[in-house]
Amino acid sequence: MKKLIVWSFLFAILSNADAQLTNTKWKNIINIPDPYETYLQFQKDTVTVNLVSDGTLIETMSYSTNKDTLRLTKLFGNSPCEVNVTGTYHFAINDDKLTITLISDDCIERVNALRTNNPWLREKI
């Protein structure tokens, strides 16, 4: 019985970690290369980058999380990053604010785009 409780507790913690970004939308200004107000919208296993002004799709990436680590892999889009190149970032959510900090990424354009002065702000979906 104790094992079942421990496993249930661990599963709940791990599920919550992976679900932190699922079905969320965040707004910020990114440099692509000029500054544009954009949304990051996380679905089950993909994230899209869209312009706030008219909804134009800029990029679609797959993503995964492990604790406080976010892995982004380009699927398609307008950036010069090659498809299937993965970047690894630290992320934290506090008070409906998302911070994304570089760990490693060979796509310098994604690094520059995600390097912001302010945290991402949660938007209602």
PDB file of N, CA and C in Angstrom:
ATOM      1  N   MET A   1       0.822  -1.195   0.000  1.00  0.00           N
ATOM      2  CA  MET A   1       0.000   0.000   0.000  1.00  0.00           C
ATOM      3  C   MET A   1       0.872   1.266   0.000  1.00  0.00           C
ATOM      4  N   LYS A   2       1.963   1.236   0.777  1.00  0.00           N
ATOM      5  CA  LYS A   2       2.850   2.394   0.830  1.00  0.00           C
ATOM      6  C   LYS A   2       3.477   2.657  -0.535  1.00  0.00           C
ATOM      7  N   LYS A   3       3.847   1.590  -1.251  1.00  0.00           N
ATOM      8  CA  LYS A   3       4.435   1.760  -2.578  1.00  0.00           C
ATOM      9  C   LYS A   3       3.443   2.431  -3.526  1.00  0.00           C
ATOM     10  N   LEU A   4       2.195   2.045  -3.453  1.00  0.00           N
ATOM     11  CA  LEU A   4       1.173   2.632  -4.314  1.00  0.00           C
ATOM     12  C   LEU A   4       1.026   4.123  -4.027  1.00  0.00           C
ATOM     13  N   ILE A   5       1.046   4.506  -2.786  1.00  0.00           N
ATOM     14  CA  ILE A   5       0.941   5.916  -2.419  1.00  0.00           C
ATOM     15  C   ILE A   5       2.152   6.690  -2.921  1.00  0.00           C
ATOM     16  N   VAL A   6       3.345   6.136  -2.726  1.00  0.00           N
ATOM     17  CA  VAL A   6       4.567   6.798  -3.181  1.00  0.00           C
ATOM     18  C   VAL A   6       4.554   6.955  -4.699  1.00  0.00           C
ATOM     19  N   TRP A   7       4.210   5.894  -5.433  1.00  0.00           N
ATOM     20  CA  TRP A   7       4.172   5.968  -6.896  1.00  0.00           C
ATOM     21  C   TRP A   7       3.113   6.952  -7.371  1.00  0.00           C
ATOM     22  N   SER A   8       1.975   6.981  -6.731  1.00  0.00           N
ATOM     23  CA  SER A   8       0.922   7.935  -7.099  1.00  0.00           C
ATOM     24  C   SER A   8       1.398   9.366  -6.890  1.00  0.00           C
ATOM     25  N   PHE A   9       2.094   9.604  -5.785  1.00  0.00           N
ATOM     26  CA  PHE A   9       2.615  10.929  -5.483  1.00  0.00           C
ATOM     27  C   PHE A   9       3.657  11.347  -6.527  1.00  0.00           C
ATOM     28  N   LEU A  10       4.589  10.456  -6.857  1.00  0.00           N
ATOM     29  CA  LEU A  10       5.618  10.758  -7.858  1.00  0.00           C
ATOM     30  C   LEU A  10       5.006  11.013  -9.231  1.00  0.00           C
ATOM     31  N   PHE A  11       4.026  10.211  -9.598  1.00  0.00           N
ATOM     32  CA  PHE A  11       3.357  10.390 -10.883  1.00  0.00           C
ATOM     33  C   PHE A  11       2.669  11.750 -10.939  1.00  0.00           C
ATOM     34  N   ALA A  12       2.017  12.139  -9.868  1.00  0.00           N
ATOM     35  CA  ALA A  12       1.330  13.432  -9.820  1.00  0.00           C
ATOM     36  C   ALA A  12       2.323  14.581  -9.970  1.00  0.00           C
ATOM     37  N   ILE A  13       3.464  14.483  -9.315  1.00  0.00           N
ATOM     38  CA  ILE A  13       4.483  15.537  -9.409  1.00  0.00           C
ATOM     39  C   ILE A  13       5.034  15.616 -10.836  1.00  0.00           C
ATOM     40  N   LEU A  14       5.380  14.484 -11.415  1.00  0.00           N
ATOM     41  CA  LEU A  14       5.939  14.469 -12.765  1.00  0.00           C
ATOM     42  C   LEU A  14       4.914  14.920 -13.794  1.00  0.00           C
ATOM     43  N   SER A  15       3.672  14.516 -13.648  1.00  0.00           N
ATOM     44  CA  SER A  15       2.626  14.936 -14.577  1.00  0.00           C
ATOM     45  C   SER A  15       2.425  16.436 -14.500  1.00  0.00           C
ATOM     46  N   ASN A  16       2.465  16.973 -13.294  1.00  0.00           N
ATOM     47  CA  ASN A  16       2.299  18.410 -13.124  1.00  0.00           C
ATOM     48  C   ASN A  16       3.452  19.174 -13.770  1.00  0.00           C
ATOM     49  N   ALA A  17       4.668  18.672 -13.648  1.00  0.00           N
ATOM     50  CA  ALA A  17       5.820  19.344 -14.250  1.00  0.00           C
ATOM     51  C   ALA A  17       5.655  19.424 -15.760  1.00  0.00           C
ATOM     52  N   ASP A  18       5.239  18.338 -16.394  1.00  0.00           N
ATOM     53  CA  ASP A  18       5.069  18.335 -17.838  1.00  0.00           C
ATOM     54  C   ASP A  18       3.869  19.163 -18.277  1.00  0.00           C
ATOM     55  N   ALA A  19       2.872  19.291 -17.422  1.00  0.00           N
ATOM     56  CA  ALA A  19       1.652  19.996 -17.786  1.00  0.00           C
ATOM     57  C   ALA A  19       1.726  21.500 -17.532  1.00  0.00           C
ATOM     58  N   GLN A  20       2.804  21.997 -16.985  1.00  0.00           N
ATOM     59  CA  GLN A  20       2.896  23.424 -16.672  1.00  0.00           C
ATOM     60  C   GLN A  20       2.703  24.309 -17.897  1.00  0.00           C
ATOM     61  N   LEU A  21       3.185  23.891 -19.039  1.00  0.00           N
ATOM     62  CA  LEU A  21       3.103  24.706 -20.243  1.00  0.00           C
ATOM     63  C   LEU A  21       1.968  24.297 -21.178  1.00  0.00           C
ATOM     64  N   THR A  22       1.495  23.073 -21.079  1.00  0.00           N
ATOM     65  CA  THR A  22       0.456  22.577 -21.972  1.00  0.00           C
ATOM     66  C   THR A  22      -0.787  23.448 -21.887  1.00  0.00           C
ATOM     67  N   ASN A  23      -1.311  23.822 -23.061  1.00  0.00           N
ATOM     68  CA  ASN A  23      -2.514  24.644 -23.180  1.00  0.00           C
ATOM     69  C   ASN A  23      -2.372  26.011 -22.507  1.00  0.00           C
ATOM     70  N   THR A  24      -1.192  26.619 -22.674  1.00  0.00           N
ATOM     71  CA  THR A  24      -0.979  27.977 -22.173  1.00  0.00           C
ATOM     72  C   THR A  24      -0.549  28.878 -23.322  1.00  0.00           C
ATOM     73  N   LYS A  25      -0.742  30.169 -23.119  1.00  0.00           N
ATOM     74  CA  LYS A  25      -0.390  31.171 -24.119  1.00  0.00           C
ATOM     75  C   LYS A  25       0.318  32.311 -23.400  1.00  0.00           C
ATOM     76  N   TRP A  26       1.434  32.783 -23.989  1.00  0.00           N
ATOM     77  CA  TRP A  26       2.293  33.782 -23.358  1.00  0.00           C
ATOM     78  C   TRP A  26       2.603  34.887 -24.351  1.00  0.00           C
ATOM     79  N   LYS A  27       2.668  36.118 -23.860  1.00  0.00           N
ATOM     80  CA  LYS A  27       2.892  37.283 -24.720  1.00  0.00           C
ATOM     81  C   LYS A  27       4.182  37.988 -24.314  1.00  0.00           C
ATOM     82  N   ASN A  28       4.955  38.414 -25.337  1.00  0.00           N
ATOM     83  CA  ASN A  28       6.184  39.153 -25.091  1.00  0.00           C
ATOM     84  C   ASN A  28       6.649  39.777 -26.407  1.00  0.00           C
ATOM     85  N   ILE A  29       7.650  40.608 -26.326  1.00  0.00           N
ATOM     86  CA  ILE A  29       8.282  41.185 -27.513  1.00  0.00           C
ATOM     87  C   ILE A  29       9.568  40.407 -27.765  1.00  0.00           C
ATOM     88  N   ILE A  30       9.700  39.889 -29.008  1.00  0.00           N
ATOM     89  CA  ILE A  30      10.926  39.180 -29.364  1.00  0.00           C
ATOM     90  C   ILE A  30      11.539  39.838 -30.597  1.00  0.00           C
ATOM     91  N   ASN A  31      12.815  39.612 -30.789  1.00  0.00           N
ATOM     92  CA  ASN A  31      13.550  40.187 -31.910  1.00  0.00           C
ATOM     93  C   ASN A  31      13.673  39.162 -33.029  1.00  0.00           C
ATOM     94  N   ILE A  32      12.952  39.409 -34.144  1.00  0.00           N
ATOM     95  CA  ILE A  32      12.952  38.434 -35.245  1.00  0.00           C
ATOM     96  C   ILE A  32      13.224  39.088 -36.604  1.00  0.00           C
ATOM     97  N   PRO A  33      14.272  39.781 -36.901  1.00  0.00           N
ATOM     98  CA  PRO A  33      15.292  40.336 -36.011  1.00  0.00           C
ATOM     99  C   PRO A  33      14.850  41.637 -35.355  1.00  0.00           C
ATOM    100  N   ASP A  34      13.844  42.333 -35.927  1.00  0.00           N
ATOM    101  CA  ASP A  34      13.324  43.541 -35.287  1.00  0.00           C
ATOM    102  C   ASP A  34      12.330  43.137 -34.201  1.00  0.00           C
ATOM    103  N   PRO A  35      12.069  44.022 -33.250  1.00  0.00           N
ATOM    104  CA  PRO A  35      11.145  43.666 -32.165  1.00  0.00           C
ATOM    105  C   PRO A  35       9.698  43.589 -32.647  1.00  0.00           C
ATOM    106  N   TYR A  36       9.049  42.477 -32.301  1.00  0.00           N
ATOM    107  CA  TYR A  36       7.634  42.260 -32.603  1.00  0.00           C
ATOM    108  C   TYR A  36       6.957  41.675 -31.376  1.00  0.00           C
ATOM    109  N   GLU A  37       5.729  42.113 -31.136  1.00  0.00           N
ATOM    110  CA  GLU A  37       4.940  41.535 -30.054  1.00  0.00           C
ATOM    111  C   GLU A  37       4.407  40.184 -30.542  1.00  0.00           C
ATOM    112  N   THR A  38       4.682  39.149 -29.780  1.00  0.00           N
ATOM    113  CA  THR A  38       4.347  37.792 -30.214  1.00  0.00           C
ATOM    114  C   THR A  38       3.686  37.000 -29.094  1.00  0.00           C
ATOM    115  N   TYR A  39       3.066  35.903 -29.508  1.00  0.00           N
ATOM    116  CA  TYR A  39       2.535  34.908 -28.587  1.00  0.00           C
ATOM    117  C   TYR A  39       3.331  33.620 -28.738  1.00  0.00           C
ATOM    118  N   LEU A  40       3.613  32.965 -27.631  1.00  0.00           N
ATOM    119  CA  LEU A  40       4.016  31.557 -27.618  1.00  0.00           C
ATOM    120  C   LEU A  40       2.780  30.805 -27.151  1.00  0.00           C
ATOM    121  N   GLN A  41       2.295  29.885 -27.967  1.00  0.00           N
ATOM    122  CA  GLN A  41       1.132  29.107 -27.561  1.00  0.00           C
ATOM    123  C   GLN A  41       1.500  27.631 -27.534  1.00  0.00           C
ATOM    124  N   PHE A  42       1.456  27.069 -26.333  1.00  0.00           N
ATOM    125  CA  PHE A  42       1.823  25.677 -26.107  1.00  0.00           C
ATOM    126  C   PHE A  42       0.584  24.799 -26.186  1.00  0.00           C
ATOM    127  N   GLN A  43       0.639  23.798 -27.058  1.00  0.00           N
ATOM    128  CA  GLN A  43      -0.394  22.782 -27.097  1.00  0.00           C
ATOM    129  C   GLN A  43       0.157  21.540 -26.381  1.00  0.00           C
ATOM    130  N   LYS A  44      -0.332  20.375 -26.745  1.00  0.00           N
ATOM    131  CA  LYS A  44       0.100  19.143 -26.068  1.00  0.00           C
ATOM    132  C   LYS A  44       1.594  18.890 -26.250  1.00  0.00           C
ATOM    133  N   ASP A  45       2.093  18.965 -27.470  1.00  0.00           N
ATOM    134  CA  ASP A  45       3.512  18.691 -27.710  1.00  0.00           C
ATOM    135  C   ASP A  45       4.137  19.619 -28.742  1.00  0.00           C
ATOM    136  N   THR A  46       3.401  20.664 -29.141  1.00  0.00           N
ATOM    137  CA  THR A  46       3.945  21.672 -30.043  1.00  0.00           C
ATOM    138  C   THR A  46       3.724  23.067 -29.452  1.00  0.00           C
ATOM    139  N   VAL A  47       4.558  23.977 -29.906  1.00  0.00           N
ATOM    140  CA  VAL A  47       4.420  25.387 -29.528  1.00  0.00           C
ATOM    141  C   VAL A  47       4.519  26.211 -30.801  1.00  0.00           C
ATOM    142  N   THR A  48       3.625  27.186 -30.937  1.00  0.00           N
ATOM    143  CA  THR A  48       3.667  28.065 -32.091  1.00  0.00           C
ATOM    144  C   THR A  48       4.068  29.462 -31.640  1.00  0.00           C
ATOM    145  N   VAL A  49       4.721  30.166 -32.562  1.00  0.00           N
ATOM    146  CA  VAL A  49       5.071  31.570 -32.354  1.00  0.00           C
ATOM    147  C   VAL A  49       4.261  32.346 -33.385  1.00  0.00           C
ATOM    148  N   ASN A  50       3.419  33.258 -32.892  1.00  0.00           N
ATOM    149  CA  ASN A  50       2.547  34.046 -33.758  1.00  0.00           C
ATOM    150  C   ASN A  50       2.683  35.529 -33.441  1.00  0.00           C
ATOM    151  N   LEU A  51       2.494  36.367 -34.471  1.00  0.00           N
ATOM    152  CA  LEU A  51       2.457  37.808 -34.247  1.00  0.00           C
ATOM    153  C   LEU A  51       1.152  38.177 -33.554  1.00  0.00           C
ATOM    154  N   VAL A  52       1.217  39.062 -32.580  1.00  0.00           N
ATOM    155  CA  VAL A  52       0.017  39.527 -31.895  1.00  0.00           C
ATOM    156  C   VAL A  52      -0.839  40.354 -32.846  1.00  0.00           C
ATOM    157  N   SER A  53      -0.205  41.179 -33.674  1.00  0.00           N
ATOM    158  CA  SER A  53      -0.927  42.125 -34.521  1.00  0.00           C
ATOM    159  C   SER A  53      -1.937  41.474 -35.460  1.00  0.00           C
ATOM    160  N   ASP A  54      -1.556  40.381 -36.107  1.00  0.00           N
ATOM    161  CA  ASP A  54      -2.464  39.772 -37.083  1.00  0.00           C
ATOM    162  C   ASP A  54      -2.502  38.245 -37.027  1.00  0.00           C
ATOM    163  N   GLY A  55      -1.834  37.648 -36.048  1.00  0.00           N
ATOM    164  CA  GLY A  55      -1.872  36.190 -35.885  1.00  0.00           C
ATOM    165  C   GLY A  55      -0.963  35.423 -36.825  1.00  0.00           C
ATOM    166  N   THR A  56      -0.151  36.104 -37.632  1.00  0.00           N
ATOM    167  CA  THR A  56       0.736  35.418 -38.569  1.00  0.00           C
ATOM    168  C   THR A  56       1.590  34.384 -37.845  1.00  0.00           C
ATOM    169  N   LEU A  57       1.604  33.169 -38.382  1.00  0.00           N
ATOM    170  CA  LEU A  57       2.423  32.096 -37.825  1.00  0.00           C
ATOM    171  C   LEU A  57       3.870  32.311 -38.231  1.00  0.00           C
ATOM    172  N   ILE A  58       4.763  32.395 -37.254  1.00  0.00           N
ATOM    173  CA  ILE A  58       6.180  32.600 -37.504  1.00  0.00           C
ATOM    174  C   ILE A  58       6.935  31.271 -37.476  1.00  0.00           C
ATOM    175  N   GLU A  59       6.596  30.432 -36.491  1.00  0.00           N
ATOM    176  CA  GLU A  59       7.363  29.198 -36.303  1.00  0.00           C
ATOM    177  C   GLU A  59       6.503  28.177 -35.553  1.00  0.00           C
ATOM    178  N   THR A  60       6.728  26.908 -35.860  1.00  0.00           N
ATOM    179  CA  THR A  60       6.134  25.814 -35.100  1.00  0.00           C
ATOM    180  C   THR A  60       7.264  24.908 -34.652  1.00  0.00           C
ATOM    181  N   MET A  61       7.267  24.605 -33.358  1.00  0.00           N
ATOM    182  CA  MET A  61       8.298  23.746 -32.774  1.00  0.00           C
ATOM    183  C   MET A  61       7.632  22.667 -31.934  1.00  0.00           C
ATOM    184  N   SER A  62       8.284  21.534 -31.848  1.00  0.00           N
ATOM    185  CA  SER A  62       7.870  20.557 -30.849  1.00  0.00           C
ATOM    186  C   SER A  62       8.577  20.946 -29.559  1.00  0.00           C
ATOM    187  N   TYR A  63       7.999  20.527 -28.440  1.00  0.00           N
ATOM    188  CA  TYR A  63       8.652  20.822 -27.171  1.00  0.00           C
ATOM    189  C   TYR A  63       8.432  19.671 -26.201  1.00  0.00           C
ATOM    190  N   SER A  64       9.325  19.604 -25.242  1.00  0.00           N
ATOM    191  CA  SER A  64       9.167  18.678 -24.130  1.00  0.00           C
ATOM    192  C   SER A  64       9.763  19.353 -22.903  1.00  0.00           C
ATOM    193  N   THR A  65       9.284  18.942 -21.744  1.00  0.00           N
ATOM    194  CA  THR A  65       9.808  19.480 -20.497  1.00  0.00           C
ATOM    195  C   THR A  65      10.242  18.334 -19.603  1.00  0.00           C
ATOM    196  N   ASN A  66      11.220  18.623 -18.779  1.00  0.00           N
ATOM    197  CA  ASN A  66      11.670  17.699 -17.746  1.00  0.00           C
ATOM    198  C   ASN A  66      12.056  18.574 -16.560  1.00  0.00           C
ATOM    199  N   LYS A  67      11.209  18.553 -15.556  1.00  0.00           N
ATOM    200  CA  LYS A  67      11.366  19.443 -14.396  1.00  0.00           C
ATOM    201  C   LYS A  67      11.357  20.882 -14.884  1.00  0.00           C
ATOM    202  N   ASP A  68      12.481  21.584 -14.785  1.00  0.00           N
ATOM    203  CA  ASP A  68      12.532  22.990 -15.193  1.00  0.00           C
ATOM    204  C   ASP A  68      13.304  23.187 -16.494  1.00  0.00           C
ATOM    205  N   THR A  69      13.410  22.126 -17.286  1.00  0.00           N
ATOM    206  CA  THR A  69      14.130  22.182 -18.559  1.00  0.00           C
ATOM    207  C   THR A  69      13.141  22.066 -19.716  1.00  0.00           C
ATOM    208  N   LEU A  70      13.278  22.959 -20.667  1.00  0.00           N
ATOM    209  CA  LEU A  70      12.433  23.006 -21.854  1.00  0.00           C
ATOM    210  C   LEU A  70      13.302  22.726 -23.069  1.00  0.00           C
ATOM    211  N   ARG A  71      12.870  21.759 -23.899  1.00  0.00           N
ATOM    212  CA  ARG A  71      13.577  21.447 -25.144  1.00  0.00           C
ATOM    213  C   ARG A  71      12.676  21.854 -26.305  1.00  0.00           C
ATOM    214  N   LEU A  72      13.225  22.670 -27.209  1.00  0.00           N
ATOM    215  CA  LEU A  72      12.494  23.157 -28.374  1.00  0.00           C
ATOM    216  C   LEU A  72      13.166  22.637 -29.637  1.00  0.00           C
ATOM    217  N   THR A  73      12.362  22.091 -30.550  1.00  0.00           N
ATOM    218  CA  THR A  73      12.880  21.572 -31.817  1.00  0.00           C
ATOM    219  C   THR A  73      12.045  22.137 -32.958  1.00  0.00           C
ATOM    220  N   LYS A  74      12.705  22.826 -33.893  1.00  0.00           N
ATOM    221  CA  LYS A  74      11.994  23.423 -35.017  1.00  0.00           C
ATOM    222  C   LYS A  74      11.377  22.342 -35.895  1.00  0.00           C
ATOM    223  N   LEU A  75      10.084  22.533 -36.204  1.00  0.00           N
ATOM    224  CA  LEU A  75       9.397  21.668 -37.152  1.00  0.00           C
ATOM    225  C   LEU A  75       9.293  22.368 -38.507  1.00  0.00           C
ATOM    226  N   PHE A  76       8.842  23.614 -38.499  1.00  0.00           N
ATOM    227  CA  PHE A  76       8.802  24.426 -39.709  1.00  0.00           C
ATOM    228  C   PHE A  76       8.582  25.886 -39.328  1.00  0.00           C
ATOM    229  N   GLY A  77       8.908  26.769 -40.256  1.00  0.00           N
ATOM    230  CA  GLY A  77       8.708  28.187 -39.994  1.00  0.00           C
ATOM    231  C   GLY A  77       9.652  29.065 -40.770  1.00  0.00           C
ATOM    232  N   ASN A  78       9.656  30.340 -40.420  1.00  0.00           N
ATOM    233  CA  ASN A  78      10.381  31.355 -41.180  1.00  0.00           C
ATOM    234  C   ASN A  78      11.806  31.615 -40.718  1.00  0.00           C
ATOM    235  N   SER A  79      12.195  31.099 -39.583  1.00  0.00           N
ATOM    236  CA  SER A  79      13.555  31.370 -39.113  1.00  0.00           C
ATOM    237  C   SER A  79      14.563  30.605 -39.970  1.00  0.00           C
ATOM    238  N   PRO A  80      15.801  31.104 -40.017  1.00  0.00           N
ATOM    239  CA  PRO A  80      16.828  30.396 -40.772  1.00  0.00           C
ATOM    240  C   PRO A  80      17.362  29.150 -40.047  1.00  0.00           C
ATOM    241  N   CYS A  81      16.845  28.856 -38.875  1.00  0.00           N
ATOM    242  CA  CYS A  81      17.272  27.644 -38.157  1.00  0.00           C
ATOM    243  C   CYS A  81      16.885  26.414 -38.961  1.00  0.00           C
ATOM    244  N   GLU A  82      17.745  25.425 -38.924  1.00  0.00           N
ATOM    245  CA  GLU A  82      17.446  24.184 -39.639  1.00  0.00           C
ATOM    246  C   GLU A  82      16.364  23.396 -38.907  1.00  0.00           C
ATOM    247  N   VAL A  83      15.563  22.677 -39.668  1.00  0.00           N
ATOM    248  CA  VAL A  83      14.539  21.808 -39.103  1.00  0.00           C
ATOM    249  C   VAL A  83      15.220  20.737 -38.254  1.00  0.00           C
ATOM    250  N   ASN A  84      14.587  20.362 -37.176  1.00  0.00           N
ATOM    251  CA  ASN A  84      15.038  19.333 -36.239  1.00  0.00           C
ATOM    252  C   ASN A  84      16.233  19.743 -35.377  1.00  0.00           C
ATOM    253  N   VAL A  85      16.602  21.017 -35.376  1.00  0.00           N
ATOM    254  CA  VAL A  85      17.645  21.498 -34.461  1.00  0.00           C
ATOM    255  C   VAL A  85      16.977  21.787 -33.122  1.00  0.00           C
ATOM    256  N   THR A  86      17.549  21.232 -32.057  1.00  0.00           N
ATOM    257  CA  THR A  86      16.959  21.349 -30.728  1.00  0.00           C
ATOM    258  C   THR A  86      17.760  22.297 -29.853  1.00  0.00           C
ATOM    259  N   GLY A  87      17.042  23.131 -29.126  1.00  0.00           N
ATOM    260  CA  GLY A  87      17.635  24.006 -28.128  1.00  0.00           C
ATOM    261  C   GLY A  87      17.127  23.615 -26.751  1.00  0.00           C
ATOM    262  N   THR A  88      17.951  23.818 -25.753  1.00  0.00           N
ATOM    263  CA  THR A  88      17.591  23.475 -24.382  1.00  0.00           C
ATOM    264  C   THR A  88      17.627  24.742 -23.532  1.00  0.00           C
ATOM    265  N   TYR A  89      16.564  24.941 -22.765  1.00  0.00           N
ATOM    266  CA  TYR A  89      16.391  26.154 -21.988  1.00  0.00           C
ATOM    267  C   TYR A  89      15.889  25.807 -20.585  1.00  0.00           C
ATOM    268  N   HIS A  90      16.213  26.658 -19.650  1.00  0.00           N
ATOM    269  CA  HIS A  90      15.634  26.583 -18.310  1.00  0.00           C
ATOM    270  C   HIS A  90      14.374  27.442 -18.344  1.00  0.00           C
ATOM    271  N   PHE A  91      13.302  26.975 -17.716  1.00  0.00           N
ATOM    272  CA  PHE A  91      12.111  27.814 -17.642  1.00  0.00           C
ATOM    273  C   PHE A  91      11.574  27.822 -16.217  1.00  0.00           C
ATOM    274  N   ALA A  92      10.909  28.920 -15.892  1.00  0.00           N
ATOM    275  CA  ALA A  92      10.280  29.058 -14.579  1.00  0.00           C
ATOM    276  C   ALA A  92       8.999  29.864 -14.742  1.00  0.00           C
ATOM    277  N   ILE A  93       7.973  29.459 -14.006  1.00  0.00           N
ATOM    278  CA  ILE A  93       6.705  30.172 -14.008  1.00  0.00           C
ATOM    279  C   ILE A  93       6.446  30.653 -12.592  1.00  0.00           C
ATOM    280  N   ASN A  94       6.290  31.974 -12.457  1.00  0.00           N
ATOM    281  CA  ASN A  94       5.969  32.582 -11.168  1.00  0.00           C
ATOM    282  C   ASN A  94       4.977  33.710 -11.394  1.00  0.00           C
ATOM    283  N   ASP A  95       3.852  33.653 -10.689  1.00  0.00           N
ATOM    284  CA  ASP A  95       2.847  34.726 -10.775  1.00  0.00           C
ATOM    285  C   ASP A  95       2.448  35.034 -12.214  1.00  0.00           C
ATOM    286  N   ASP A  96       2.138  34.006 -12.987  1.00  0.00           N
ATOM    287  CA  ASP A  96       1.725  34.154 -14.381  1.00  0.00           C
ATOM    288  C   ASP A  96       2.772  34.826 -15.256  1.00  0.00           C
ATOM    289  N   LYS A  97       4.042  34.664 -14.881  1.00  0.00           N
ATOM    290  CA  LYS A  97       5.162  35.155 -15.675  1.00  0.00           C
ATOM    291  C   LYS A  97       6.094  33.992 -15.970  1.00  0.00           C
ATOM    292  N   LEU A  98       6.475  33.863 -17.238  1.00  0.00           N
ATOM    293  CA  LEU A  98       7.337  32.784 -17.704  1.00  0.00           C
ATOM    294  C   LEU A  98       8.693  33.360 -18.078  1.00  0.00           C
ATOM    295  N   THR A  99       9.745  32.831 -17.486  1.00  0.00           N
ATOM    296  CA  THR A  99      11.095  33.200 -17.904  1.00  0.00           C
ATOM    297  C   THR A  99      11.730  32.002 -18.596  1.00  0.00           C
ATOM    298  N   ILE A 100      12.430  32.286 -19.684  1.00  0.00           N
ATOM    299  CA  ILE A 100      13.107  31.264 -20.474  1.00  0.00           C
ATOM    300  C   ILE A 100      14.566  31.688 -20.585  1.00  0.00           C
ATOM    301  N   THR A 101      15.475  30.821 -20.106  1.00  0.00           N
ATOM    302  CA  THR A 101      16.895  31.145 -20.075  1.00  0.00           C
ATOM    303  C   THR A 101      17.678  30.062 -20.818  1.00  0.00           C
ATOM    304  N   LEU A 102      18.590  30.480 -21.672  1.00  0.00           N
ATOM    305  CA  LEU A 102      19.383  29.567 -22.494  1.00  0.00           C
ATOM    306  C   LEU A 102      20.238  28.622 -21.656  1.00  0.00           C
ATOM    307  N   ILE A 103      20.209  27.347 -22.018  1.00  0.00           N
ATOM    308  CA  ILE A 103      21.178  26.356 -21.541  1.00  0.00           C
ATOM    309  C   ILE A 103      22.127  26.063 -22.699  1.00  0.00           C
ATOM    310  N   SER A 104      21.563  25.613 -23.843  1.00  0.00           N
ATOM    311  CA  SER A 104      22.368  25.394 -25.047  1.00  0.00           C
ATOM    312  C   SER A 104      21.447  25.354 -26.264  1.00  0.00           C
ATOM    313  N   ASP A 105      21.950  25.896 -27.380  1.00  0.00           N
ATOM    314  CA  ASP A 105      21.166  25.916 -28.614  1.00  0.00           C
ATOM    315  C   ASP A 105      22.098  26.287 -29.763  1.00  0.00           C
ATOM    316  N   ASP A 106      22.150  25.460 -30.802  1.00  0.00           N
ATOM    317  CA  ASP A 106      22.967  25.747 -31.976  1.00  0.00           C
ATOM    318  C   ASP A 106      22.292  26.727 -32.927  1.00  0.00           C
ATOM    319  N   CYS A 107      21.027  27.045 -32.685  1.00  0.00           N
ATOM    320  CA  CYS A 107      20.305  27.984 -33.543  1.00  0.00           C
ATOM    321  C   CYS A 107      20.387  29.380 -32.915  1.00  0.00           C
ATOM    322  N   ILE A 108      21.338  30.165 -33.365  1.00  0.00           N
ATOM    323  CA  ILE A 108      21.574  31.487 -32.787  1.00  0.00           C
ATOM    324  C   ILE A 108      20.369  32.404 -32.985  1.00  0.00           C
ATOM    325  N   GLU A 109      19.629  32.235 -34.065  1.00  0.00           N
ATOM    326  CA  GLU A 109      18.452  33.064 -34.308  1.00  0.00           C
ATOM    327  C   GLU A 109      17.375  32.806 -33.249  1.00  0.00           C
ATOM    328  N   ARG A 110      17.184  31.545 -32.856  1.00  0.00           N
ATOM    329  CA  ARG A 110      16.211  31.234 -31.797  1.00  0.00           C
ATOM    330  C   ARG A 110      16.699  31.801 -30.468  1.00  0.00           C
ATOM    331  N   VAL A 111      17.995  31.662 -30.212  1.00  0.00           N
ATOM    332  CA  VAL A 111      18.581  32.221 -28.980  1.00  0.00           C
ATOM    333  C   VAL A 111      18.303  33.718 -28.913  1.00  0.00           C
ATOM    334  N   ASN A 112      18.589  34.437 -29.999  1.00  0.00           N
ATOM    335  CA  ASN A 112      18.384  35.885 -30.024  1.00  0.00           C
ATOM    336  C   ASN A 112      16.912  36.260 -29.906  1.00  0.00           C
ATOM    337  N   ALA A 113      16.048  35.482 -30.534  1.00  0.00           N
ATOM    338  CA  ALA A 113      14.614  35.768 -30.461  1.00  0.00           C
ATOM    339  C   ALA A 113      14.079  35.579 -29.044  1.00  0.00           C
ATOM    340  N   LEU A 114      14.509  34.528 -28.374  1.00  0.00           N
ATOM    341  CA  LEU A 114      13.992  34.235 -27.033  1.00  0.00           C
ATOM    342  C   LEU A 114      14.678  35.036 -25.935  1.00  0.00           C
ATOM    343  N   ARG A 115      15.773  35.719 -26.268  1.00  0.00           N
ATOM    344  CA  ARG A 115      16.462  36.554 -25.283  1.00  0.00           C
ATOM    345  C   ARG A 115      15.656  37.839 -25.127  1.00  0.00           C
ATOM    346  N   THR A 116      14.914  37.953 -24.043  1.00  0.00           N
ATOM    347  CA  THR A 116      14.051  39.105 -23.813  1.00  0.00           C
ATOM    348  C   THR A 116      14.447  39.803 -22.517  1.00  0.00           C
ATOM    349  N   ASN A 117      14.084  41.062 -22.420  1.00  0.00           N
ATOM    350  CA  ASN A 117      14.356  41.822 -21.199  1.00  0.00           C
ATOM    351  C   ASN A 117      13.297  41.601 -20.131  1.00  0.00           C
ATOM    352  N   ASN A 118      12.148  41.130 -20.538  1.00  0.00           N
ATOM    353  CA  ASN A 118      11.027  40.951 -19.623  1.00  0.00           C
ATOM    354  C   ASN A 118      10.494  39.525 -19.719  1.00  0.00           C
ATOM    355  N   PRO A 119       9.856  39.045 -18.662  1.00  0.00           N
ATOM    356  CA  PRO A 119       9.270  37.709 -18.725  1.00  0.00           C
ATOM    357  C   PRO A 119       8.054  37.690 -19.658  1.00  0.00           C
ATOM    358  N   TRP A 120       7.712  36.510 -20.114  1.00  0.00           N
ATOM    359  CA  TRP A 120       6.497  36.294 -20.897  1.00  0.00           C
ATOM    360  C   TRP A 120       5.308  36.393 -19.942  1.00  0.00           C
ATOM    361  N   LEU A 121       4.237  37.037 -20.378  1.00  0.00           N
ATOM    362  CA  LEU A 121       3.050  37.205 -19.542  1.00  0.00           C
ATOM    363  C   LEU A 121       1.954  36.260 -20.027  1.00  0.00           C
ATOM    364  N   ARG A 122       1.339  35.556 -19.064  1.00  0.00           N
ATOM    365  CA  ARG A 122       0.285  34.592 -19.404  1.00  0.00           C
ATOM    366  C   ARG A 122      -0.923  35.316 -19.972  1.00  0.00           C
ATOM    367  N   GLU A 123      -1.455  34.757 -21.051  1.00  0.00           N
ATOM    368  CA  GLU A 123      -2.682  35.251 -21.680  1.00  0.00           C
ATOM    369  C   GLU A 123      -3.775  34.213 -21.490  1.00  0.00           C
ATOM    370  N   LYS A 124      -5.001  34.658 -21.411  1.00  0.00           N
ATOM    371  CA  LYS A 124      -6.124  33.721 -21.333  1.00  0.00           C
ATOM    372  C   LYS A 124      -6.377  33.156 -22.726  1.00  0.00           C
ATOM    373  N   ILE A 125      -6.672  31.876 -22.758  1.00  0.00           N
ATOM    374  CA  ILE A 125      -6.962  31.217 -24.041  1.00  0.00           C
ATOM    375  C   ILE A 125      -8.456  31.156 -24.239  1.00  0.00           C
TER     376      ILE A 125
END
